[in-house]
Amino acid sequence: MSTHFFKSNRRHFLGALALGASSAFTARGAFAEELTRTPTTNEGPFFPNKLPLDTDNDLLIINDAITPAVGEVTHLSGRLLDAKGAPLRNAIIEIWQCDRDGTYLKQYTRDGDQFDTNFQGYGRFLTSSTGEYYFRTIKPVPYHGRPAAHIHARIWKGDKKLLTTECFIKGSPKNEQDGQFKQIRARDPKGHETLCLDFAAIKGSKIGELAAKWDIVLGYSPEA
């Protein structure tokens, strides 16, 4: 996979830090034991069959549009790490999710289903030298067939796909109705916990913005 498309949006990332979307980061080598690795999950049927014209890390605004997507504004951030806690830099993180009404970009571009055309539906970010990443998106919602609201993610290093996974809303009562959610927990209870995120209100936000922190841990060591 070519990386010249994946220009990280540092302005948005710094904005996330100012909002408190990211907490203090752990120094390399501070772990005596390996971190819990992020479990792999099924990619699912809704990865976009056609990427949007805008593929940056802000899923709420498409190119220079004025009208934002509808939904609860969420700042999703964290670090990409190996099992020893070392950051994985220059890796691509892709995310995709349905719009507020439960429709994916693929359903819209393939079948013409109703979709919030102000919502990008897909984004990607090139991790920094400290493994940091940041997305501005909406809080995930359930859709027909999947009671647990979630955001999908894929990780790439060059042309190598390292992980496909997804995150959930911690404590959502609908999680227990979701087969995928329960399968992951049965297979990897400890890893499953790392997929359940707090979507916390950002203090002082006048529009009810949320922040979720998700450190993704791979069974992979970056090259020296």
Protein backbone atom coordinates (compact mmCIF):
# COMPACT_ATOMS: atom_id res chain seq x y z
CA MET A 1 0.00 0.00 0.00
CA SER A 2 1.46 3.37 -1.03
CA THR A 3 1.91 5.83 1.83
CA HIS A 4 2.07 9.13 -0.05
CA PHE A 5 -1.70 9.52 0.42
CA PHE A 6 -1.45 9.27 4.17
CA LYS A 7 -0.49 12.74 5.39
CA SER A 8 -1.09 13.06 9.11
CA ASN A 9 -3.21 15.99 10.22
CA ARG A 10 -1.07 17.47 12.98
CA ARG A 11 -3.38 20.43 13.49
CA HIS A 12 -6.25 18.15 14.38
CA PHE A 13 -4.03 16.05 16.60
CA LEU A 14 -2.82 19.05 18.57
CA GLY A 15 -6.42 20.15 18.90
CA ALA A 16 -7.26 16.80 20.42
CA LEU A 17 -4.49 17.20 22.97
CA ALA A 18 -5.84 20.60 23.92
CA LEU A 19 -9.27 19.07 24.48
CA GLY A 20 -7.81 16.38 26.69
CA ALA A 21 -8.54 13.58 24.24
CA SER A 22 -5.12 12.04 24.87
CA SER A 23 -3.55 11.37 28.24
CA ALA A 24 0.12 11.23 29.19
CA PHE A 25 2.07 8.71 27.15
CA THR A 26 4.20 5.91 28.54
CA ALA A 27 7.94 6.02 27.91
CA ARG A 28 9.64 3.29 25.92
CA GLY A 29 10.94 0.48 28.04
CA ALA A 30 8.76 1.24 31.06
CA PHE A 31 7.01 -2.14 30.95
CA ALA A 32 8.39 -5.10 32.84
CA GLU A 33 5.82 -7.38 31.26
CA GLU A 34 4.23 -7.50 27.84
CA LEU A 35 1.13 -5.42 27.25
CA THR A 36 -2.17 -7.09 26.48
CA ARG A 37 -2.37 -7.42 22.72
CA THR A 38 -5.36 -6.03 20.87
CA PRO A 39 -7.50 -8.93 19.60
CA THR A 40 -8.16 -9.43 15.92
CA THR A 41 -11.76 -9.37 14.71
CA ASN A 42 -13.59 -10.00 11.47
CA GLU A 43 -13.36 -7.25 8.90
CA GLY A 44 -17.05 -7.55 8.18
CA PRO A 45 -18.89 -6.91 4.91
CA PHE A 46 -18.90 -3.12 4.96
CA PHE A 47 -15.35 -1.98 4.22
CA PRO A 48 -15.87 0.65 1.49
CA ASN A 49 -15.83 -0.75 -2.02
CA LYS A 50 -15.04 2.77 -3.19
CA LEU A 51 -13.08 5.20 -1.02
CA PRO A 52 -14.45 8.72 -0.55
CA LEU A 53 -12.75 11.65 -2.25
CA ASP A 54 -11.59 12.80 1.17
CA THR A 55 -9.78 10.15 3.24
CA ASP A 56 -8.18 12.22 6.01
CA ASN A 57 -8.65 11.79 9.76
CA ASP A 58 -11.59 14.22 10.08
CA LEU A 59 -14.69 12.21 9.19
CA LEU A 60 -17.08 15.05 10.01
CA ILE A 61 -16.11 17.41 7.19
CA ILE A 62 -15.58 16.35 3.58
CA ASN A 63 -12.92 18.46 1.88
CA ASP A 64 -13.97 22.13 2.15
CA ALA A 65 -17.65 21.52 2.88
CA ILE A 66 -19.40 23.76 5.39
CA THR A 67 -22.03 21.33 6.68
CA PRO A 68 -20.72 18.71 9.12
CA ALA A 69 -21.96 15.17 9.57
CA VAL A 70 -24.77 14.51 12.03
CA GLY A 71 -23.88 12.69 15.25
CA GLU A 72 -22.15 13.07 18.60
CA VAL A 73 -18.73 14.55 17.86
CA THR A 74 -16.05 12.17 19.12
CA HIS A 75 -12.28 12.59 19.34
CA LEU A 76 -10.72 9.13 19.07
CA SER A 77 -7.02 9.02 19.86
CA GLY A 78 -4.29 6.88 21.33
CA ARG A 79 -1.02 5.18 20.48
CA LEU A 80 0.03 2.26 18.34
CA LEU A 81 2.46 0.10 20.31
CA ASP A 82 4.25 -3.22 20.17
CA ALA A 83 3.84 -5.74 22.99
CA LYS A 84 6.81 -4.24 24.86
CA GLY A 85 5.32 -0.76 24.81
CA ALA A 86 7.51 0.64 22.04
CA PRO A 87 5.72 3.00 19.61
CA LEU A 88 5.12 1.93 16.04
CA ARG A 89 5.71 4.96 13.85
CA ASN A 90 4.81 5.54 10.20
CA ALA A 91 2.06 2.94 10.28
CA ILE A 92 -1.34 3.50 8.71
CA ILE A 93 -4.47 3.27 10.83
CA GLU A 94 -7.73 3.06 8.88
CA ILE A 95 -11.14 3.36 10.50
CA TRP A 96 -14.63 2.99 9.06
CA GLN A 97 -18.12 3.04 10.59
CA CYS A 98 -21.77 3.62 9.79
CA ASP A 99 -23.44 7.01 9.86
CA ARG A 100 -25.76 8.10 12.67
CA ASP A 101 -28.67 6.22 11.09
CA GLY A 102 -26.80 2.92 10.77
CA THR A 103 -25.80 2.98 7.09
CA TYR A 104 -22.27 2.33 5.82
CA LEU A 105 -20.56 4.13 2.97
CA LYS A 106 -20.42 0.84 1.08
CA GLN A 107 -24.19 0.44 1.26
CA TYR A 108 -24.57 3.93 -0.16
CA THR A 109 -22.05 3.62 -3.00
CA ARG A 110 -23.10 0.07 -3.92
CA ASP A 111 -26.85 -0.04 -3.34
CA GLY A 112 -27.84 3.61 -3.14
CA ASP A 113 -29.10 3.33 0.45
CA GLN A 114 -29.83 6.54 2.30
CA PHE A 115 -26.64 7.92 3.86
CA ASP A 116 -25.45 11.12 5.51
CA THR A 117 -23.42 12.42 2.58
CA ASN A 118 -21.70 14.90 4.90
CA PHE A 119 -20.16 11.96 6.76
CA GLN A 120 -16.90 10.64 5.35
CA GLY A 121 -17.51 7.12 6.68
CA TYR A 122 -13.82 6.23 6.37
CA GLY A 123 -10.54 7.84 7.40
CA ARG A 124 -6.84 7.09 7.81
CA PHE A 125 -3.88 8.44 9.74
CA LEU A 126 -0.10 8.01 9.61
CA THR A 127 1.20 7.44 13.14
CA SER A 128 3.76 9.88 14.52
CA SER A 129 7.24 9.14 15.84
CA THR A 130 5.68 8.32 19.22
CA GLY A 131 2.96 6.11 17.73
CA GLU A 132 0.23 8.68 18.26
CA TYR A 133 -2.89 8.85 16.10
CA TYR A 134 -6.07 10.94 16.11
CA PHE A 135 -9.48 10.91 14.43
CA ARG A 136 -12.47 13.22 14.68
CA THR A 137 -15.62 11.25 14.02
CA ILE A 138 -19.02 10.48 15.54
CA LYS A 139 -19.91 8.21 18.44
CA PRO A 140 -20.71 4.79 16.91
CA VAL A 141 -24.29 3.57 16.78
CA PRO A 142 -25.86 0.11 16.29
CA TYR A 143 -27.20 -0.97 12.92
CA HIS A 144 -29.40 -3.79 11.66
CA GLY A 145 -27.66 -7.07 12.43
CA ARG A 146 -25.14 -5.67 14.93
CA PRO A 147 -26.63 -4.47 18.24
CA ALA A 148 -23.23 -3.39 19.60
CA ALA A 149 -22.16 0.00 18.32
CA HIS A 150 -18.57 -0.16 17.08
CA ILE A 151 -15.81 1.37 14.96
CA HIS A 152 -13.70 -0.86 12.70
CA ALA A 153 -9.93 -0.41 12.36
CA ARG A 154 -7.13 -1.85 10.22
CA ILE A 155 -3.40 -1.37 10.72
CA TRP A 156 -0.82 -1.36 7.91
CA LYS A 157 2.96 -1.10 7.86
CA GLY A 158 3.96 -0.53 4.26
CA ASP A 159 2.15 -3.19 2.23
CA LYS A 160 1.72 -5.52 5.21
CA LYS A 161 -1.62 -5.65 7.01
CA LEU A 162 -0.87 -6.16 10.70
CA LEU A 163 -4.29 -6.19 12.33
CA THR A 164 -8.02 -5.88 11.76
CA THR A 165 -10.02 -5.07 14.86
CA GLU A 166 -12.86 -2.94 16.25
CA CYS A 167 -13.76 -1.03 19.40
CA PHE A 168 -17.01 -0.86 21.37
CA ILE A 169 -18.77 1.46 23.80
CA LYS A 170 -17.92 0.28 27.30
CA GLY A 171 -20.97 -0.65 29.35
CA SER A 172 -23.52 -0.41 26.54
CA PRO A 173 -26.44 -2.74 27.36
CA LYS A 174 -26.71 -3.73 23.71
CA ASN A 175 -23.23 -5.27 23.74
CA GLU A 176 -24.57 -8.44 25.30
CA GLN A 177 -26.95 -8.90 22.37
CA ASP A 178 -24.10 -8.88 19.86
CA GLY A 179 -22.62 -12.19 18.69
CA GLN A 180 -19.27 -10.74 17.63
CA PHE A 181 -18.84 -8.96 20.96
CA LYS A 182 -19.46 -12.19 22.89
CA GLN A 183 -17.25 -14.31 20.60
CA ILE A 184 -14.26 -12.03 21.14
CA ARG A 185 -14.77 -12.10 24.89
CA ALA A 186 -14.99 -15.90 24.94
CA ARG A 187 -11.83 -16.23 22.86
CA ASP A 188 -9.72 -13.59 24.63
CA PRO A 189 -11.31 -12.16 27.81
CA LYS A 190 -8.33 -9.99 28.73
CA GLY A 191 -7.82 -8.63 25.25
CA HIS A 192 -11.55 -8.05 24.90
CA GLU A 193 -11.38 -5.50 27.72
CA THR A 194 -9.02 -3.34 25.64
CA LEU A 195 -11.70 -3.01 22.94
CA CYS A 196 -14.27 -1.48 25.30
CA LEU A 197 -13.79 2.28 25.45
CA ASP A 198 -15.18 5.04 27.63
CA PHE A 199 -16.73 7.75 25.47
CA ALA A 200 -16.36 10.55 28.00
CA ALA A 201 -17.83 14.03 27.80
CA ILE A 202 -15.21 16.73 27.25
CA LYS A 203 -15.43 19.25 30.03
CA GLY A 204 -16.34 22.69 28.79
CA SER A 205 -17.45 21.60 25.31
CA LYS A 206 -20.47 23.66 24.28
CA ILE A 207 -21.60 21.08 21.71
CA GLY A 208 -21.31 17.97 23.86
CA GLU A 209 -18.12 16.55 22.35
CA LEU A 210 -16.78 13.21 23.52
CA ALA A 211 -13.28 11.77 23.82
CA ALA A 212 -12.25 8.12 23.65
CA LYS A 213 -8.72 6.83 24.15
CA TRP A 214 -7.67 3.56 22.51
CA ASP A 215 -4.10 2.28 22.65
CA ILE A 216 -3.69 -0.49 20.07
CA VAL A 217 -1.08 -3.12 20.90
CA LEU A 218 0.38 -5.38 18.21
CA GLY A 219 2.37 -8.58 18.44
CA TYR A 220 4.94 -6.90 16.22
CA SER A 221 8.30 -5.24 16.83
CA PRO A 222 9.19 -2.15 14.75
CA GLU A 223 12.43 -2.28 12.82
CA ALA A 224 15.37 -0.46 14.37
